[in-house]
Structures are given as C-alpha cells and as structure tokens.
Amino acid sequence: MGIAAVAGHIRSVFIGFRGGRGVATFAGTMLATAPWAVAILVPVVLLVVWRRRFVSLGSLVGVALAPVVTAVLVLLDQATWAGVALALGGAAMVTVAHADNIARLRAGTERRLGQ
C-alpha cells in the first residue's frame, strides 16, 4: 500500500496524472514501516541540504540510502524485509520523478535553496 500511496502522489488520477515528487509520501510510508530508518536518514538529508543548498539533492540522497539503512536495520532486528521492499520501490519511483532535477544538477543549473 505504501508503494501505491507514493505512486498516487506522483501521478494522481484526480489531477490529470500529474503530482509531486513523492518524497513526503515516501517518508510517511517509511515512518510507518521502518521508523528507525527515518530517524537515521532525516539528519543526513538535512545535512546535505544545509551544506549543498539543494533540496532535490538531499531528497535523492535520502531515498538512495533508504534501502541500505533499512537492510542494515533488518540485520539488527529493527526493521522488516517488507520495509526494505518499500524502500527499494519507493526510492526508484522518487528517483524517476526527479529526472529533471537530476539533469539540472548534472548541468549545474539546479536552483539552490534561497534562490
């Protein structure tokens, strides 16, 4: 259901299959499934945004690390493999939704926080 929520946020049937990037919905579903992963990732995302001033980069780093952090938490018996599956699927969808941001980051034209 978490994957469906993220997909619905990115491509909502109610607004002509447009939507957001899915980051907040992904974070909410991860909070429900693997709260320790979110507790670990939020400071990392905030650090990236603070140091680089790219919100999109912070979001991408967070979703890229989510499956890894969740898998480590599974090994520590603090998360489930369902959480890892959610992290993998959600991270893939959020990354695809950020394709234009990734292109701008690579070209050096992405707007920084505060611009």
PDB file of N, CA and C in Angstrom:
ATOM      1  N   MET A   1       0.808  -1.191   0.000  1.00  0.00           N
ATOM      2  CA  MET A   1       0.000   0.000   0.000  1.00  0.00           C
ATOM      3  C   MET A   1       0.860   1.268   0.000  1.00  0.00           C
ATOM      4  N   GLY A   2       2.016   1.181   0.621  1.00  0.00           N
ATOM      5  CA  GLY A   2       2.910   2.335   0.637  1.00  0.00           C
ATOM      6  C   GLY A   2       3.379   2.710  -0.755  1.00  0.00           C
ATOM      7  N   ILE A   3       3.680   1.697  -1.562  1.00  0.00           N
ATOM      8  CA  ILE A   3       4.091   1.948  -2.953  1.00  0.00           C
ATOM      9  C   ILE A   3       2.950   2.619  -3.715  1.00  0.00           C
ATOM     10  N   ALA A   4       1.722   2.148  -3.486  1.00  0.00           N
ATOM     11  CA  ALA A   4       0.557   2.737  -4.151  1.00  0.00           C
ATOM     12  C   ALA A   4       0.366   4.187  -3.725  1.00  0.00           C
ATOM     13  N   ALA A   5       0.612   4.483  -2.461  1.00  0.00           N
ATOM     14  CA  ALA A   5       0.479   5.859  -1.980  1.00  0.00           C
ATOM     15  C   ALA A   5       1.500   6.771  -2.653  1.00  0.00           C
ATOM     16  N   VAL A   6       2.732   6.301  -2.754  1.00  0.00           N
ATOM     17  CA  VAL A   6       3.776   7.107  -3.412  1.00  0.00           C
ATOM     18  C   VAL A   6       3.443   7.294  -4.890  1.00  0.00           C
ATOM     19  N   ALA A   7       3.026   6.217  -5.555  1.00  0.00           N
ATOM     20  CA  ALA A   7       2.649   6.318  -6.973  1.00  0.00           C
ATOM     21  C   ALA A   7       1.483   7.283  -7.159  1.00  0.00           C
ATOM     22  N   GLY A   8       0.520   7.221  -6.267  1.00  0.00           N
ATOM     23  CA  GLY A   8      -0.626   8.123  -6.351  1.00  0.00           C
ATOM     24  C   GLY A   8      -0.248   9.570  -6.121  1.00  0.00           C
ATOM     25  N   HIS A   9       0.762   9.805  -5.317  1.00  0.00           N
ATOM     26  CA  HIS A   9       1.208  11.176  -5.100  1.00  0.00           C
ATOM     27  C   HIS A   9       1.944  11.704  -6.335  1.00  0.00           C
ATOM     28  N   ILE A  10       2.716  10.837  -6.960  1.00  0.00           N
ATOM     29  CA  ILE A  10       3.500  11.267  -8.121  1.00  0.00           C
ATOM     30  C   ILE A  10       2.620  11.448  -9.354  1.00  0.00           C
ATOM     31  N   ARG A  11       1.687  10.536  -9.570  1.00  0.00           N
ATOM     32  CA  ARG A  11       0.804  10.571 -10.746  1.00  0.00           C
ATOM     33  C   ARG A  11      -0.643  10.394 -10.300  1.00  0.00           C
ATOM     34  N   SER A  12      -1.225  11.431  -9.763  1.00  0.00           N
ATOM     35  CA  SER A  12      -2.582  11.353  -9.237  1.00  0.00           C
ATOM     36  C   SER A  12      -3.633  11.332 -10.347  1.00  0.00           C
ATOM     37  N   VAL A  13      -4.531  10.385 -10.255  1.00  0.00           N
ATOM     38  CA  VAL A  13      -5.625  10.280 -11.219  1.00  0.00           C
ATOM     39  C   VAL A  13      -6.563  11.491 -11.095  1.00  0.00           C
ATOM     40  N   PHE A  14      -6.589  12.112  -9.925  1.00  0.00           N
ATOM     41  CA  PHE A  14      -7.508  13.212  -9.674  1.00  0.00           C
ATOM     42  C   PHE A  14      -7.054  14.547 -10.253  1.00  0.00           C
ATOM     43  N   ILE A  15      -5.803  14.653 -10.614  1.00  0.00           N
ATOM     44  CA  ILE A  15      -5.307  15.909 -11.195  1.00  0.00           C
ATOM     45  C   ILE A  15      -4.597  15.652 -12.519  1.00  0.00           C
ATOM     46  N   GLY A  16      -5.183  14.787 -13.308  1.00  0.00           N
ATOM     47  CA  GLY A  16      -4.683  14.550 -14.660  1.00  0.00           C
ATOM     48  C   GLY A  16      -3.346  13.827 -14.722  1.00  0.00           C
ATOM     49  N   PHE A  17      -3.107  12.925 -13.802  1.00  0.00           N
ATOM     50  CA  PHE A  17      -1.866  12.140 -13.753  1.00  0.00           C
ATOM     51  C   PHE A  17      -0.623  13.006 -13.627  1.00  0.00           C
ATOM     52  N   ARG A  18      -0.796  14.108 -12.922  1.00  0.00           N
ATOM     53  CA  ARG A  18       0.342  14.937 -12.521  1.00  0.00           C
ATOM     54  C   ARG A  18       0.453  14.818 -11.015  1.00  0.00           C
ATOM     55  N   GLY A  19       1.463  15.411 -10.451  1.00  0.00           N
ATOM     56  CA  GLY A  19       1.594  15.382  -8.997  1.00  0.00           C
ATOM     57  C   GLY A  19       2.944  15.888  -8.556  1.00  0.00           C
ATOM     58  N   GLY A  20       3.307  15.493  -7.361  1.00  0.00           N
ATOM     59  CA  GLY A  20       4.568  15.935  -6.787  1.00  0.00           C
ATOM     60  C   GLY A  20       5.682  14.945  -7.048  1.00  0.00           C
ATOM     61  N   ARG A  21       6.697  15.039  -6.235  1.00  0.00           N
ATOM     62  CA  ARG A  21       7.866  14.173  -6.385  1.00  0.00           C
ATOM     63  C   ARG A  21       7.758  12.915  -5.526  1.00  0.00           C
ATOM     64  N   GLY A  22       6.845  12.896  -4.577  1.00  0.00           N
ATOM     65  CA  GLY A  22       6.608  11.709  -3.761  1.00  0.00           C
ATOM     66  C   GLY A  22       7.489  11.589  -2.539  1.00  0.00           C
ATOM     67  N   VAL A  23       8.318  12.581  -2.259  1.00  0.00           N
ATOM     68  CA  VAL A  23       9.265  12.476  -1.155  1.00  0.00           C
ATOM     69  C   VAL A  23       8.551  12.442   0.192  1.00  0.00           C
ATOM     70  N   ALA A  24       7.632  13.343   0.423  1.00  0.00           N
ATOM     71  CA  ALA A  24       6.944  13.385   1.711  1.00  0.00           C
ATOM     72  C   ALA A  24       6.095  12.133   1.931  1.00  0.00           C
ATOM     73  N   THR A  25       5.432  11.666   0.890  1.00  0.00           N
ATOM     74  CA  THR A  25       4.640  10.451   0.998  1.00  0.00           C
ATOM     75  C   THR A  25       5.537   9.257   1.257  1.00  0.00           C
ATOM     76  N   PHE A  26       6.673   9.193   0.577  1.00  0.00           N
ATOM     77  CA  PHE A  26       7.646   8.130   0.809  1.00  0.00           C
ATOM     78  C   PHE A  26       8.137   8.166   2.255  1.00  0.00           C
ATOM     79  N   ALA A  27       8.452   9.343   2.751  1.00  0.00           N
ATOM     80  CA  ALA A  27       8.915   9.468   4.139  1.00  0.00           C
ATOM     81  C   ALA A  27       7.830   9.011   5.119  1.00  0.00           C
ATOM     82  N   GLY A  28       6.586   9.363   4.835  1.00  0.00           N
ATOM     83  CA  GLY A  28       5.490   8.943   5.705  1.00  0.00           C
ATOM     84  C   GLY A  28       5.289   7.438   5.713  1.00  0.00           C
ATOM     85  N   THR A  29       5.383   6.822   4.547  1.00  0.00           N
ATOM     86  CA  THR A  29       5.220   5.371   4.497  1.00  0.00           C
ATOM     87  C   THR A  29       6.403   4.676   5.164  1.00  0.00           C
ATOM     88  N   MET A  30       7.591   5.234   5.016  1.00  0.00           N
ATOM     89  CA  MET A  30       8.756   4.669   5.699  1.00  0.00           C
ATOM     90  C   MET A  30       8.645   4.866   7.210  1.00  0.00           C
ATOM     91  N   LEU A  31       8.090   5.978   7.626  1.00  0.00           N
ATOM     92  CA  LEU A  31       7.903   6.225   9.053  1.00  0.00           C
ATOM     93  C   LEU A  31       6.976   5.180   9.668  1.00  0.00           C
ATOM     94  N   ALA A  32       5.971   4.784   8.914  1.00  0.00           N
ATOM     95  CA  ALA A  32       5.045   3.764   9.402  1.00  0.00           C
ATOM     96  C   ALA A  32       5.668   2.370   9.369  1.00  0.00           C
ATOM     97  N   THR A  33       6.564   2.123   8.420  1.00  0.00           N
ATOM     98  CA  THR A  33       7.127   0.793   8.222  1.00  0.00           C
ATOM     99  C   THR A  33       8.468   0.606   8.924  1.00  0.00           C
ATOM    100  N   ALA A  34       9.325   1.583   8.849  1.00  0.00           N
ATOM    101  CA  ALA A  34      10.674   1.486   9.427  1.00  0.00           C
ATOM    102  C   ALA A  34      11.044   2.817  10.070  1.00  0.00           C
ATOM    103  N   PRO A  35      10.465   3.130  11.227  1.00  0.00           N
ATOM    104  CA  PRO A  35      10.697   4.452  11.837  1.00  0.00           C
ATOM    105  C   PRO A  35      12.160   4.737  12.169  1.00  0.00           C
ATOM    106  N   TRP A  36      12.939   3.714  12.528  1.00  0.00           N
ATOM    107  CA  TRP A  36      14.349   3.950  12.825  1.00  0.00           C
ATOM    108  C   TRP A  36      15.120   4.377  11.585  1.00  0.00           C
ATOM    109  N   ALA A  37      14.724   3.889  10.443  1.00  0.00           N
ATOM    110  CA  ALA A  37      15.379   4.306   9.198  1.00  0.00           C
ATOM    111  C   ALA A  37      15.159   5.802   8.963  1.00  0.00           C
ATOM    112  N   VAL A  38      13.951   6.246   9.208  1.00  0.00           N
ATOM    113  CA  VAL A  38      13.648   7.679   9.045  1.00  0.00           C
ATOM    114  C   VAL A  38      14.440   8.504  10.056  1.00  0.00           C
ATOM    115  N   ALA A  39      14.532   8.003  11.281  1.00  0.00           N
ATOM    116  CA  ALA A  39      15.285   8.716  12.315  1.00  0.00           C
ATOM    117  C   ALA A  39      16.760   8.855  11.940  1.00  0.00           C
ATOM    118  N   ILE A  40      17.287   7.880  11.249  1.00  0.00           N
ATOM    119  CA  ILE A  40      18.681   7.941  10.803  1.00  0.00           C
ATOM    120  C   ILE A  40      18.828   8.824   9.571  1.00  0.00           C
ATOM    121  N   LEU A  41      17.874   8.744   8.652  1.00  0.00           N
ATOM    122  CA  LEU A  41      18.005   9.440   7.369  1.00  0.00           C
ATOM    123  C   LEU A  41      17.686  10.928   7.423  1.00  0.00           C
ATOM    124  N   VAL A  42      16.779  11.344   8.280  1.00  0.00           N
ATOM    125  CA  VAL A  42      16.405  12.769   8.330  1.00  0.00           C
ATOM    126  C   VAL A  42      17.616  13.658   8.616  1.00  0.00           C
ATOM    127  N   PRO A  43      18.447  13.349   9.618  1.00  0.00           N
ATOM    128  CA  PRO A  43      19.633  14.201   9.820  1.00  0.00           C
ATOM    129  C   PRO A  43      20.591  14.200   8.616  1.00  0.00           C
ATOM    130  N   VAL A  44      20.704  13.069   7.940  1.00  0.00           N
ATOM    131  CA  VAL A  44      21.574  13.006   6.759  1.00  0.00           C
ATOM    132  C   VAL A  44      21.041  13.928   5.660  1.00  0.00           C
ATOM    133  N   VAL A  45      19.736  13.849   5.413  1.00  0.00           N
ATOM    134  CA  VAL A  45      19.114  14.705   4.392  1.00  0.00           C
ATOM    135  C   VAL A  45      19.279  16.177   4.761  1.00  0.00           C
ATOM    136  N   LEU A  46      19.026  16.507   6.020  1.00  0.00           N
ATOM    137  CA  LEU A  46      19.166  17.900   6.452  1.00  0.00           C
ATOM    138  C   LEU A  46      20.603  18.390   6.318  1.00  0.00           C
ATOM    139  N   LEU A  47      21.567  17.528   6.606  1.00  0.00           N
ATOM    140  CA  LEU A  47      22.972  17.895   6.461  1.00  0.00           C
ATOM    141  C   LEU A  47      23.321  18.180   4.998  1.00  0.00           C
ATOM    142  N   VAL A  48      22.846  17.338   4.092  1.00  0.00           N
ATOM    143  CA  VAL A  48      23.111  17.542   2.660  1.00  0.00           C
ATOM    144  C   VAL A  48      22.475  18.849   2.194  1.00  0.00           C
ATOM    145  N   VAL A  49      21.226  19.089   2.587  1.00  0.00           N
ATOM    146  CA  VAL A  49      20.545  20.326   2.180  1.00  0.00           C
ATOM    147  C   VAL A  49      21.263  21.538   2.769  1.00  0.00           C
ATOM    148  N   TRP A  50      21.667  21.443   4.013  1.00  0.00           N
ATOM    149  CA  TRP A  50      22.346  22.561   4.670  1.00  0.00           C
ATOM    150  C   TRP A  50      23.695  22.861   4.017  1.00  0.00           C
ATOM    151  N   ARG A  51      24.474  21.816   3.713  1.00  0.00           N
ATOM    152  CA  ARG A  51      25.807  22.018   3.164  1.00  0.00           C
ATOM    153  C   ARG A  51      25.788  22.392   1.681  1.00  0.00           C
ATOM    154  N   ARG A  52      24.926  21.755   0.895  1.00  0.00           N
ATOM    155  CA  ARG A  52      24.921  21.960  -0.560  1.00  0.00           C
ATOM    156  C   ARG A  52      23.843  22.912  -1.042  1.00  0.00           C
ATOM    157  N   ARG A  53      22.819  23.118  -0.210  1.00  0.00           N
ATOM    158  CA  ARG A  53      21.692  24.011  -0.506  1.00  0.00           C
ATOM    159  C   ARG A  53      20.864  23.569  -1.711  1.00  0.00           C
ATOM    160  N   PHE A  54      20.831  22.271  -1.965  1.00  0.00           N
ATOM    161  CA  PHE A  54      19.972  21.677  -2.994  1.00  0.00           C
ATOM    162  C   PHE A  54      18.991  20.745  -2.300  1.00  0.00           C
ATOM    163  N   VAL A  55      17.724  21.128  -2.267  1.00  0.00           N
ATOM    164  CA  VAL A  55      16.712  20.278  -1.648  1.00  0.00           C
ATOM    165  C   VAL A  55      16.575  18.974  -2.431  1.00  0.00           C
ATOM    166  N   SER A  56      16.623  19.071  -3.755  1.00  0.00           N
ATOM    167  CA  SER A  56      16.484  17.872  -4.576  1.00  0.00           C
ATOM    168  C   SER A  56      17.629  16.888  -4.307  1.00  0.00           C
ATOM    169  N   LEU A  57      18.828  17.376  -4.126  1.00  0.00           N
ATOM    170  CA  LEU A  57      19.963  16.507  -3.829  1.00  0.00           C
ATOM    171  C   LEU A  57      19.777  15.824  -2.481  1.00  0.00           C
ATOM    172  N   GLY A  58      19.306  16.571  -1.500  1.00  0.00           N
ATOM    173  CA  GLY A  58      19.031  15.971  -0.194  1.00  0.00           C
ATOM    174  C   GLY A  58      17.990  14.877  -0.283  1.00  0.00           C
ATOM    175  N   SER A  59      16.941  15.128  -1.050  1.00  0.00           N
ATOM    176  CA  SER A  59      15.890  14.128  -1.238  1.00  0.00           C
ATOM    177  C   SER A  59      16.437  12.885  -1.926  1.00  0.00           C
ATOM    178  N   LEU A  60      17.234  13.082  -2.947  1.00  0.00           N
ATOM    179  CA  LEU A  60      17.798  11.953  -3.691  1.00  0.00           C
ATOM    180  C   LEU A  60      18.773  11.142  -2.840  1.00  0.00           C
ATOM    181  N   VAL A  61      19.575  11.805  -2.052  1.00  0.00           N
ATOM    182  CA  VAL A  61      20.491  11.089  -1.155  1.00  0.00           C
ATOM    183  C   VAL A  61      19.692  10.282  -0.142  1.00  0.00           C
ATOM    184  N   GLY A  62      18.646  10.882   0.402  1.00  0.00           N
ATOM    185  CA  GLY A  62      17.811  10.181   1.383  1.00  0.00           C
ATOM    186  C   GLY A  62      17.149   8.941   0.824  1.00  0.00           C
ATOM    187  N   VAL A  63      16.569   9.051  -0.366  1.00  0.00           N
ATOM    188  CA  VAL A  63      15.893   7.877  -0.935  1.00  0.00           C
ATOM    189  C   VAL A  63      16.900   6.832  -1.398  1.00  0.00           C
ATOM    190  N   ALA A  64      18.098   7.264  -1.818  1.00  0.00           N
ATOM    191  CA  ALA A  64      19.119   6.301  -2.232  1.00  0.00           C
ATOM    192  C   ALA A  64      19.634   5.497  -1.035  1.00  0.00           C
ATOM    193  N   LEU A  65      19.737   6.149   0.110  1.00  0.00           N
ATOM    194  CA  LEU A  65      20.229   5.467   1.304  1.00  0.00           C
ATOM    195  C   LEU A  65      19.152   4.674   2.037  1.00  0.00           C
ATOM    196  N   ALA A  66      17.891   4.956   1.769  1.00  0.00           N
ATOM    197  CA  ALA A  66      16.799   4.302   2.491  1.00  0.00           C
ATOM    198  C   ALA A  66      16.844   2.776   2.424  1.00  0.00           C
ATOM    199  N   PRO A  67      17.016   2.161   1.246  1.00  0.00           N
ATOM    200  CA  PRO A  67      17.076   0.691   1.223  1.00  0.00           C
ATOM    201  C   PRO A  67      18.279   0.132   1.987  1.00  0.00           C
ATOM    202  N   VAL A  68      19.408   0.811   1.912  1.00  0.00           N
ATOM    203  CA  VAL A  68      20.619   0.344   2.595  1.00  0.00           C
ATOM    204  C   VAL A  68      20.436   0.413   4.110  1.00  0.00           C
ATOM    205  N   VAL A  69      19.966   1.556   4.584  1.00  0.00           N
ATOM    206  CA  VAL A  69      19.759   1.736   6.018  1.00  0.00           C
ATOM    207  C   VAL A  69      18.714   0.751   6.531  1.00  0.00           C
ATOM    208  N   THR A  70      17.648   0.569   5.784  1.00  0.00           N
ATOM    209  CA  THR A  70      16.594  -0.363   6.206  1.00  0.00           C
ATOM    210  C   THR A  70      17.116  -1.795   6.233  1.00  0.00           C
ATOM    211  N   ALA A  71      17.931  -2.172   5.265  1.00  0.00           N
ATOM    212  CA  ALA A  71      18.507  -3.524   5.247  1.00  0.00           C
ATOM    213  C   ALA A  71      19.430  -3.741   6.451  1.00  0.00           C
ATOM    214  N   VAL A  72      20.215  -2.739   6.791  1.00  0.00           N
ATOM    215  CA  VAL A  72      21.064  -2.849   7.982  1.00  0.00           C
ATOM    216  C   VAL A  72      20.197  -2.996   9.229  1.00  0.00           C
ATOM    217  N   LEU A  73      19.106  -2.258   9.278  1.00  0.00           N
ATOM    218  CA  LEU A  73      18.194  -2.370  10.421  1.00  0.00           C
ATOM    219  C   LEU A  73      17.531  -3.744  10.485  1.00  0.00           C
ATOM    220  N   VAL A  74      17.299  -4.374   9.337  1.00  0.00           N
ATOM    221  CA  VAL A  74      16.775  -5.744   9.332  1.00  0.00           C
ATOM    222  C   VAL A  74      17.783  -6.671  10.003  1.00  0.00           C
ATOM    223  N   LEU A  75      19.053  -6.504   9.687  1.00  0.00           N
ATOM    224  CA  LEU A  75      20.096  -7.327  10.285  1.00  0.00           C
ATOM    225  C   LEU A  75      20.195  -7.113  11.792  1.00  0.00           C
ATOM    226  N   LEU A  76      19.825  -5.926  12.237  1.00  0.00           N
ATOM    227  CA  LEU A  76      19.812  -5.613  13.669  1.00  0.00           C
ATOM    228  C   LEU A  76      18.466  -5.903  14.315  1.00  0.00           C
ATOM    229  N   ASP A  77      17.555  -6.508  13.542  1.00  0.00           N
ATOM    230  CA  ASP A  77      16.213  -6.878  14.004  1.00  0.00           C
ATOM    231  C   ASP A  77      15.371  -5.659  14.412  1.00  0.00           C
ATOM    232  N   GLN A  78      15.560  -4.556  13.687  1.00  0.00           N
ATOM    233  CA  GLN A  78      14.812  -3.330  13.964  1.00  0.00           C
ATOM    234  C   GLN A  78      13.906  -2.923  12.810  1.00  0.00           C
ATOM    235  N   ALA A  79      13.875  -3.716  11.759  1.00  0.00           N
ATOM    236  CA  ALA A  79      13.005  -3.459  10.606  1.00  0.00           C
ATOM    237  C   ALA A  79      12.694  -4.805   9.955  1.00  0.00           C
ATOM    238  N   THR A  80      11.837  -4.762   8.943  1.00  0.00           N
ATOM    239  CA  THR A  80      11.441  -5.996   8.259  1.00  0.00           C
ATOM    240  C   THR A  80      11.856  -5.930   6.800  1.00  0.00           C
ATOM    241  N   TRP A  81      11.832  -7.105   6.161  1.00  0.00           N
ATOM    242  CA  TRP A  81      12.147  -7.140   4.730  1.00  0.00           C
ATOM    243  C   TRP A  81      11.074  -6.414   3.926  1.00  0.00           C
ATOM    244  N   ALA A  82       9.857  -6.339   4.439  1.00  0.00           N
ATOM    245  CA  ALA A  82       8.815  -5.551   3.763  1.00  0.00           C
ATOM    246  C   ALA A  82       9.218  -4.075   3.722  1.00  0.00           C
ATOM    247  N   GLY A  83       9.865  -3.610   4.768  1.00  0.00           N
ATOM    248  CA  GLY A  83      10.373  -2.239   4.785  1.00  0.00           C
ATOM    249  C   GLY A  83      11.452  -2.016   3.746  1.00  0.00           C
ATOM    250  N   VAL A  84      12.298  -3.021   3.545  1.00  0.00           N
ATOM    251  CA  VAL A  84      13.341  -2.929   2.518  1.00  0.00           C
ATOM    252  C   VAL A  84      12.694  -2.877   1.134  1.00  0.00           C
ATOM    253  N   ALA A  85      11.678  -3.706   0.920  1.00  0.00           N
ATOM    254  CA  ALA A  85      10.971  -3.702  -0.367  1.00  0.00           C
ATOM    255  C   ALA A  85      10.314  -2.355  -0.618  1.00  0.00           C
ATOM    256  N   LEU A  86       9.687  -1.791   0.412  1.00  0.00           N
ATOM    257  CA  LEU A  86       9.088  -0.460   0.291  1.00  0.00           C
ATOM    258  C   LEU A  86      10.163   0.572  -0.031  1.00  0.00           C
ATOM    259  N   ALA A  87      11.285   0.479   0.664  1.00  0.00           N
ATOM    260  CA  ALA A  87      12.373   1.440   0.433  1.00  0.00           C
ATOM    261  C   ALA A  87      12.904   1.343  -0.991  1.00  0.00           C
ATOM    262  N   LEU A  88      13.053   0.125  -1.491  1.00  0.00           N
ATOM    263  CA  LEU A  88      13.540  -0.045  -2.867  1.00  0.00           C
ATOM    264  C   LEU A  88      12.552   0.495  -3.895  1.00  0.00           C
ATOM    265  N   GLY A  89      11.301   0.091  -3.774  1.00  0.00           N
ATOM    266  CA  GLY A  89      10.288   0.534  -4.735  1.00  0.00           C
ATOM    267  C   GLY A  89      10.035   2.027  -4.666  1.00  0.00           C
ATOM    268  N   GLY A  90       9.906   2.544  -3.460  1.00  0.00           N
ATOM    269  CA  GLY A  90       9.670   3.977  -3.294  1.00  0.00           C
ATOM    270  C   GLY A  90      10.844   4.804  -3.771  1.00  0.00           C
ATOM    271  N   ALA A  91      12.056   4.342  -3.465  1.00  0.00           N
ATOM    272  CA  ALA A  91      13.250   5.071  -3.900  1.00  0.00           C
ATOM    273  C   ALA A  91      13.337   5.118  -5.420  1.00  0.00           C
ATOM    274  N   ALA A  92      12.994   4.023  -6.066  1.00  0.00           N
ATOM    275  CA  ALA A  92      13.019   4.001  -7.529  1.00  0.00           C
ATOM    276  C   ALA A  92      12.018   4.994  -8.104  1.00  0.00           C
ATOM    277  N   MET A  93      10.802   5.010  -7.555  1.00  0.00           N
ATOM    278  CA  MET A  93       9.778   5.929  -8.078  1.00  0.00           C
ATOM    279  C   MET A  93      10.140   7.380  -7.828  1.00  0.00           C
ATOM    280  N   VAL A  94      10.643   7.687  -6.637  1.00  0.00           N
ATOM    281  CA  VAL A  94      11.019   9.070  -6.327  1.00  0.00           C
ATOM    282  C   VAL A  94      12.192   9.508  -7.204  1.00  0.00           C
ATOM    283  N   THR A  95      13.133   8.622  -7.450  1.00  0.00           N
ATOM    284  CA  THR A  95      14.275   8.953  -8.309  1.00  0.00           C
ATOM    285  C   THR A  95      13.822   9.249  -9.736  1.00  0.00           C
ATOM    286  N   VAL A  96      12.934   8.437 -10.264  1.00  0.00           N
ATOM    287  CA  VAL A  96      12.410   8.678 -11.615  1.00  0.00           C
ATOM    288  C   VAL A  96      11.650  10.008 -11.655  1.00  0.00           C
ATOM    289  N   ALA A  97      10.910  10.301 -10.585  1.00  0.00           N
ATOM    290  CA  ALA A  97      10.168  11.568 -10.541  1.00  0.00           C
ATOM    291  C   ALA A  97      11.103  12.775 -10.503  1.00  0.00           C
ATOM    292  N   HIS A  98      12.329  12.559 -10.071  1.00  0.00           N
ATOM    293  CA  HIS A  98      13.318  13.639 -10.007  1.00  0.00           C
ATOM    294  C   HIS A  98      14.216  13.704 -11.250  1.00  0.00           C
ATOM    295  N   ALA A  99      13.833  13.080 -12.333  1.00  0.00           N
ATOM    296  CA  ALA A  99      14.686  13.029 -13.532  1.00  0.00           C
ATOM    297  C   ALA A  99      15.093  14.420 -14.006  1.00  0.00           C
ATOM    298  N   ASP A 100      14.169  15.368 -14.006  1.00  0.00           N
ATOM    299  CA  ASP A 100      14.520  16.715 -14.462  1.00  0.00           C
ATOM    300  C   ASP A 100      15.464  17.404 -13.479  1.00  0.00           C
ATOM    301  N   ASN A 101      15.286  17.155 -12.187  1.00  0.00           N
ATOM    302  CA  ASN A 101      16.202  17.721 -11.193  1.00  0.00           C
ATOM    303  C   ASN A 101      17.608  17.140 -11.359  1.00  0.00           C
ATOM    304  N   ILE A 102      17.672  15.843 -11.618  1.00  0.00           N
ATOM    305  CA  ILE A 102      18.967  15.195 -11.821  1.00  0.00           C
ATOM    306  C   ILE A 102      19.674  15.806 -13.029  1.00  0.00           C
ATOM    307  N   ALA A 103      18.937  16.030 -14.097  1.00  0.00           N
ATOM    308  CA  ALA A 103      19.529  16.643 -15.293  1.00  0.00           C
ATOM    309  C   ALA A 103      20.044  18.045 -14.977  1.00  0.00           C
ATOM    310  N   ARG A 104      19.279  18.816 -14.214  1.00  0.00           N
ATOM    311  CA  ARG A 104      19.732  20.169 -13.859  1.00  0.00           C
ATOM    312  C   ARG A 104      20.926  20.129 -12.910  1.00  0.00           C
ATOM    313  N   LEU A 105      20.943  19.174 -11.984  1.00  0.00           N
ATOM    314  CA  LEU A 105      22.102  19.037 -11.088  1.00  0.00           C
ATOM    315  C   LEU A 105      23.361  18.723 -11.894  1.00  0.00           C
ATOM    316  N   ARG A 106      23.233  17.818 -12.849  1.00  0.00           N
ATOM    317  CA  ARG A 106      24.388  17.445 -13.677  1.00  0.00           C
ATOM    318  C   ARG A 106      24.847  18.612 -14.548  1.00  0.00           C
ATOM    319  N   ALA A 107      23.892  19.436 -15.009  1.00  0.00           N
ATOM    320  CA  ALA A 107      24.238  20.579 -15.866  1.00  0.00           C
ATOM    321  C   ALA A 107      24.690  21.793 -15.055  1.00  0.00           C
ATOM    322  N   GLY A 108      24.487  21.746 -13.747  1.00  0.00           N
ATOM    323  CA  GLY A 108      24.864  22.884 -12.901  1.00  0.00           C
ATOM    324  C   GLY A 108      23.859  24.010 -12.921  1.00  0.00           C
ATOM    325  N   THR A 109      22.615  23.731 -13.306  1.00  0.00           N
ATOM    326  CA  THR A 109      21.608  24.779 -13.407  1.00  0.00           C
ATOM    327  C   THR A 109      20.497  24.635 -12.371  1.00  0.00           C
ATOM    328  N   GLU A 110      20.598  23.662 -11.477  1.00  0.00           N
ATOM    329  CA  GLU A 110      19.574  23.483 -10.443  1.00  0.00           C
ATOM    330  C   GLU A 110      19.612  24.653  -9.469  1.00  0.00           C
ATOM    331  N   ARG A 111      18.423  25.142  -9.095  1.00  0.00           N
ATOM    332  CA  ARG A 111      18.347  26.261  -8.162  1.00  0.00           C
ATOM    333  C   ARG A 111      18.694  25.802  -6.756  1.00  0.00           C
ATOM    334  N   ARG A 112      19.437  26.636  -6.060  1.00  0.00           N
ATOM    335  CA  ARG A 112      19.801  26.355  -4.674  1.00  0.00           C
ATOM    336  C   ARG A 112      18.710  26.886  -3.746  1.00  0.00           C
ATOM    337  N   LEU A 113      18.654  26.332  -2.569  1.00  0.00           N
ATOM    338  CA  LEU A 113      17.722  26.797  -1.546  1.00  0.00           C
ATOM    339  C   LEU A 113      17.974  28.274  -1.272  1.00  0.00           C
ATOM    340  N   GLY A 114      16.939  29.072  -1.355  1.00  0.00           N
ATOM    341  CA  GLY A 114      17.060  30.503  -1.120  1.00  0.00           C
ATOM    342  C   GLY A 114      17.197  31.345  -2.358  1.00  0.00           C
ATOM    343  N   GLN A 115      17.283  30.705  -3.527  1.00  0.00           N
ATOM    344  CA  GLN A 115      17.398  31.476  -4.783  1.00  0.00           C
ATOM    345  C   GLN A 115      16.030  31.746  -5.339  1.00  0.00           C
TER     346      GLN A 115
END
